[in-house]
């Protein structure tokens, strides 16, 4: 699934009052980032995957509420950082 499709699917499940349009996903993302950090510290792969998914959902809905499209932003970031390489193998879970 590409980022655009993910974002469109995520917003279908975003149910919160319109007056909290930006605040709800922003505060949710902040909370989920804390849970993601704790999952990483615990080195629990299943929990890390769950919390990463929650962070993605909040990021997708927040971006939508701000009028941003994740796929456009990803291409911009990817192009800007095309020489940046992150070696995930150094950070693999045991």
N, C-alpha and C. Protein backbone atom coordinates (compact mmCIF):
# COMPACT_ATOMS: atom_id res chain seq x y z
N UNK A 1 0.85 -1.17 0.00
CA UNK A 1 0.00 0.00 0.00
C UNK A 1 0.90 1.24 0.00
N UNK A 2 0.60 2.18 -0.87
CA UNK A 2 1.40 3.41 -0.90
C UNK A 2 0.88 4.40 0.14
N UNK A 3 1.64 5.46 0.36
CA UNK A 3 1.29 6.43 1.40
C UNK A 3 -0.04 7.13 1.14
N UNK A 4 -0.31 7.42 -0.12
CA UNK A 4 -1.58 8.10 -0.44
C UNK A 4 -2.77 7.21 -0.08
N UNK A 5 -2.70 5.96 -0.46
CA UNK A 5 -3.78 5.01 -0.16
C UNK A 5 -3.92 4.83 1.35
N UNK A 6 -2.78 4.70 2.03
CA UNK A 6 -2.82 4.55 3.49
C UNK A 6 -3.52 5.74 4.14
N UNK A 7 -3.16 6.94 3.72
CA UNK A 7 -3.76 8.13 4.30
C UNK A 7 -5.26 8.18 4.04
N UNK A 8 -5.67 7.85 2.83
CA UNK A 8 -7.10 7.85 2.50
C UNK A 8 -7.86 6.81 3.31
N UNK A 9 -7.25 5.66 3.55
CA UNK A 9 -7.90 4.63 4.37
C UNK A 9 -7.93 5.05 5.84
N UNK A 10 -6.88 5.67 6.31
CA UNK A 10 -6.81 6.10 7.71
C UNK A 10 -7.89 7.13 8.03
N UNK A 11 -8.08 8.08 7.13
CA UNK A 11 -9.05 9.14 7.43
C UNK A 11 -10.49 8.62 7.43
N UNK A 12 -10.72 7.48 6.80
CA UNK A 12 -12.06 6.88 6.85
C UNK A 12 -12.42 6.45 8.26
N UNK A 13 -11.41 6.17 9.07
CA UNK A 13 -11.66 5.70 10.43
C UNK A 13 -11.46 6.81 11.47
N UNK A 14 -11.13 8.01 11.01
CA UNK A 14 -10.90 9.14 11.93
C UNK A 14 -12.24 9.76 12.32
N UNK A 15 -12.68 9.44 13.51
CA UNK A 15 -13.97 9.94 13.98
C UNK A 15 -13.73 10.75 15.25
N UNK A 16 -13.80 12.06 15.12
CA UNK A 16 -13.68 12.96 16.26
C UNK A 16 -14.34 14.28 15.88
N UNK A 17 -14.76 15.05 16.89
CA UNK A 17 -15.48 16.31 16.61
C UNK A 17 -14.64 17.26 15.76
N UNK A 18 -15.27 17.94 14.83
CA UNK A 18 -14.55 18.83 13.92
C UNK A 18 -13.83 19.97 14.63
N UNK A 19 -14.33 20.38 15.80
CA UNK A 19 -13.63 21.46 16.49
C UNK A 19 -12.28 21.00 17.04
N UNK A 20 -12.06 19.68 17.07
CA UNK A 20 -10.77 19.13 17.50
C UNK A 20 -9.98 18.57 16.32
N UNK A 21 -10.30 19.08 15.14
CA UNK A 21 -9.76 18.56 13.89
C UNK A 21 -8.24 18.39 13.90
N UNK A 22 -7.49 19.33 14.36
CA UNK A 22 -6.03 19.21 14.40
C UNK A 22 -5.56 18.75 15.78
N UNK A 23 -6.20 19.25 16.82
CA UNK A 23 -5.76 18.96 18.19
C UNK A 23 -5.83 17.47 18.52
N UNK A 24 -6.92 16.80 18.12
CA UNK A 24 -7.09 15.39 18.47
C UNK A 24 -5.96 14.52 17.91
N UNK A 25 -5.70 14.55 16.60
CA UNK A 25 -4.62 13.70 16.11
C UNK A 25 -3.23 14.17 16.58
N UNK A 26 -3.06 15.47 16.81
CA UNK A 26 -1.76 15.95 17.27
C UNK A 26 -1.46 15.42 18.67
N UNK A 27 -2.43 15.53 19.58
CA UNK A 27 -2.22 15.02 20.93
C UNK A 27 -2.11 13.50 20.94
N UNK A 28 -2.89 12.85 20.08
CA UNK A 28 -2.79 11.39 19.96
C UNK A 28 -1.42 10.96 19.49
N UNK A 29 -0.87 11.68 18.52
CA UNK A 29 0.46 11.34 18.01
C UNK A 29 1.52 11.52 19.09
N UNK A 30 1.40 12.59 19.85
CA UNK A 30 2.36 12.82 20.93
C UNK A 30 2.32 11.66 21.93
N UNK A 31 1.12 11.22 22.29
CA UNK A 31 0.99 10.09 23.21
C UNK A 31 1.54 8.81 22.63
N UNK A 32 1.25 8.57 21.37
CA UNK A 32 1.72 7.33 20.73
C UNK A 32 3.24 7.31 20.56
N UNK A 33 3.84 8.47 20.35
CA UNK A 33 5.30 8.52 20.24
C UNK A 33 5.92 8.08 21.57
N UNK A 34 5.32 8.50 22.69
CA UNK A 34 5.80 8.05 23.99
C UNK A 34 5.67 6.55 24.15
N UNK A 35 4.54 6.00 23.71
CA UNK A 35 4.35 4.55 23.79
C UNK A 35 5.31 3.81 22.86
N UNK A 36 5.59 4.40 21.70
CA UNK A 36 6.55 3.82 20.75
C UNK A 36 7.93 3.77 21.38
N UNK A 37 8.31 4.86 22.05
CA UNK A 37 9.62 4.92 22.73
C UNK A 37 9.71 3.82 23.79
N UNK A 38 8.65 3.66 24.57
CA UNK A 38 8.65 2.64 25.61
C UNK A 38 8.73 1.23 25.00
N UNK A 39 8.08 1.04 23.88
CA UNK A 39 8.14 -0.26 23.21
C UNK A 39 9.56 -0.55 22.73
N UNK A 40 10.24 0.46 22.22
CA UNK A 40 11.62 0.28 21.78
C UNK A 40 12.51 -0.06 22.97
N UNK A 41 12.32 0.64 24.07
CA UNK A 41 13.12 0.38 25.26
C UNK A 41 12.91 -1.06 25.75
N UNK A 42 11.66 -1.54 25.67
CA UNK A 42 11.36 -2.90 26.12
C UNK A 42 11.84 -3.96 25.14
N UNK A 43 12.21 -3.54 23.93
CA UNK A 43 12.71 -4.45 22.88
C UNK A 43 11.67 -5.51 22.52
N UNK A 44 10.40 -5.14 22.59
CA UNK A 44 9.29 -6.05 22.27
C UNK A 44 8.85 -5.78 20.83
N UNK A 45 9.25 -6.67 19.94
CA UNK A 45 9.01 -6.46 18.50
C UNK A 45 7.53 -6.29 18.18
N UNK A 46 6.66 -7.12 18.74
CA UNK A 46 5.22 -7.00 18.45
C UNK A 46 4.67 -5.66 18.91
N UNK A 47 5.09 -5.24 20.08
CA UNK A 47 4.62 -3.95 20.61
C UNK A 47 5.17 -2.79 19.78
N UNK A 48 6.41 -2.91 19.34
CA UNK A 48 7.01 -1.87 18.49
C UNK A 48 6.20 -1.72 17.20
N UNK A 49 5.85 -2.84 16.59
CA UNK A 49 5.08 -2.81 15.35
C UNK A 49 3.71 -2.17 15.58
N UNK A 50 3.04 -2.54 16.68
CA UNK A 50 1.73 -1.97 17.00
C UNK A 50 1.81 -0.47 17.21
N UNK A 51 2.78 -0.04 18.00
CA UNK A 51 2.91 1.39 18.31
C UNK A 51 3.34 2.18 17.07
N UNK A 52 4.17 1.60 16.23
CA UNK A 52 4.56 2.27 14.98
C UNK A 52 3.33 2.47 14.10
N UNK A 53 2.46 1.46 14.04
CA UNK A 53 1.23 1.59 13.28
C UNK A 53 0.32 2.67 13.82
N UNK A 54 0.24 2.76 15.15
CA UNK A 54 -0.57 3.81 15.76
C UNK A 54 -0.01 5.19 15.42
N UNK A 55 1.31 5.33 15.47
CA UNK A 55 1.95 6.60 15.11
C UNK A 55 1.64 6.97 13.66
N UNK A 56 1.69 5.98 12.79
CA UNK A 56 1.41 6.23 11.37
C UNK A 56 -0.03 6.71 11.18
N UNK A 57 -0.97 6.08 11.89
CA UNK A 57 -2.37 6.48 11.77
C UNK A 57 -2.55 7.93 12.19
N UNK A 58 -2.02 8.29 13.35
CA UNK A 58 -2.16 9.66 13.82
C UNK A 58 -1.45 10.65 12.89
N UNK A 59 -0.27 10.28 12.40
CA UNK A 59 0.45 11.17 11.48
C UNK A 59 -0.34 11.37 10.19
N UNK A 60 -0.95 10.30 9.69
CA UNK A 60 -1.73 10.39 8.45
C UNK A 60 -2.96 11.27 8.64
N UNK A 61 -3.66 11.11 9.76
CA UNK A 61 -4.87 11.91 9.98
C UNK A 61 -4.52 13.36 10.30
N UNK A 62 -3.44 13.58 11.04
CA UNK A 62 -3.02 14.95 11.33
C UNK A 62 -2.62 15.66 10.04
N UNK A 63 -1.84 14.99 9.22
CA UNK A 63 -1.44 15.59 7.94
C UNK A 63 -2.67 15.94 7.11
N UNK A 64 -3.63 15.04 7.06
CA UNK A 64 -4.85 15.31 6.29
C UNK A 64 -5.58 16.53 6.84
N UNK A 65 -5.71 16.59 8.16
CA UNK A 65 -6.40 17.73 8.78
C UNK A 65 -5.67 19.05 8.52
N UNK A 66 -4.37 18.98 8.29
CA UNK A 66 -3.59 20.17 7.97
C UNK A 66 -3.53 20.45 6.47
N UNK A 67 -4.20 19.60 5.68
CA UNK A 67 -4.23 19.79 4.24
C UNK A 67 -2.99 19.27 3.53
N UNK A 68 -2.30 18.35 4.18
CA UNK A 68 -1.07 17.80 3.61
C UNK A 68 -1.31 16.38 3.11
N UNK A 69 -0.59 16.01 2.09
CA UNK A 69 -0.67 14.66 1.54
C UNK A 69 0.65 13.97 1.79
N UNK A 70 0.61 12.86 2.51
CA UNK A 70 1.85 12.17 2.88
C UNK A 70 2.70 11.79 1.69
N UNK A 71 2.09 11.36 0.61
CA UNK A 71 2.89 10.93 -0.53
C UNK A 71 3.67 12.09 -1.14
N UNK A 72 3.06 13.27 -1.21
CA UNK A 72 3.77 14.44 -1.74
C UNK A 72 4.93 14.81 -0.83
N UNK A 73 4.67 14.81 0.48
CA UNK A 73 5.70 15.16 1.43
C UNK A 73 6.83 14.14 1.42
N UNK A 74 6.50 12.85 1.28
CA UNK A 74 7.52 11.81 1.25
C UNK A 74 8.45 12.01 0.05
N UNK A 75 7.88 12.29 -1.11
CA UNK A 75 8.70 12.48 -2.30
C UNK A 75 9.63 13.68 -2.13
N UNK A 76 9.13 14.74 -1.51
CA UNK A 76 9.95 15.92 -1.26
C UNK A 76 11.10 15.58 -0.31
N UNK A 77 10.78 14.89 0.79
CA UNK A 77 11.81 14.51 1.76
C UNK A 77 12.79 13.55 1.12
N UNK A 78 12.28 12.57 0.38
CA UNK A 78 13.13 11.58 -0.26
C UNK A 78 14.10 12.26 -1.24
N UNK A 79 13.61 13.20 -2.01
CA UNK A 79 14.45 13.91 -2.97
C UNK A 79 15.48 14.77 -2.26
N UNK A 80 15.07 15.43 -1.19
CA UNK A 80 15.97 16.30 -0.44
C UNK A 80 17.08 15.49 0.22
N UNK A 81 16.76 14.31 0.68
CA UNK A 81 17.72 13.50 1.43
C UNK A 81 18.20 12.28 0.65
N UNK A 82 18.27 12.38 -0.66
CA UNK A 82 18.59 11.19 -1.45
C UNK A 82 19.98 10.63 -1.16
N UNK A 83 20.85 11.43 -0.59
CA UNK A 83 22.18 10.93 -0.26
C UNK A 83 22.29 10.42 1.17
N UNK A 84 21.21 10.56 1.94
CA UNK A 84 21.21 10.12 3.33
C UNK A 84 20.92 8.63 3.38
N UNK A 85 21.81 7.89 4.01
CA UNK A 85 21.64 6.43 4.12
C UNK A 85 21.59 6.07 5.59
N UNK A 86 20.58 5.31 5.97
CA UNK A 86 20.45 4.84 7.34
C UNK A 86 20.54 3.34 7.31
N UNK A 87 21.50 2.80 8.02
CA UNK A 87 21.70 1.35 8.01
C UNK A 87 20.84 0.71 9.09
N UNK A 88 19.70 0.18 8.70
CA UNK A 88 18.80 -0.43 9.65
C UNK A 88 19.39 -1.68 10.29
N UNK A 89 20.31 -2.33 9.61
CA UNK A 89 20.89 -3.55 10.17
C UNK A 89 21.63 -3.28 11.48
N UNK A 90 22.13 -2.09 11.67
CA UNK A 90 22.82 -1.75 12.92
C UNK A 90 21.84 -1.63 14.08
N UNK A 91 20.56 -1.47 13.78
CA UNK A 91 19.56 -1.21 14.81
C UNK A 91 18.51 -2.33 14.87
N UNK A 92 18.84 -3.50 14.39
CA UNK A 92 17.89 -4.60 14.39
C UNK A 92 17.62 -5.12 15.79
N UNK A 93 16.41 -5.61 15.97
CA UNK A 93 16.07 -6.21 17.24
C UNK A 93 16.71 -7.59 17.32
N UNK A 94 17.08 -7.98 18.52
CA UNK A 94 17.70 -9.29 18.71
C UNK A 94 16.68 -10.40 18.52
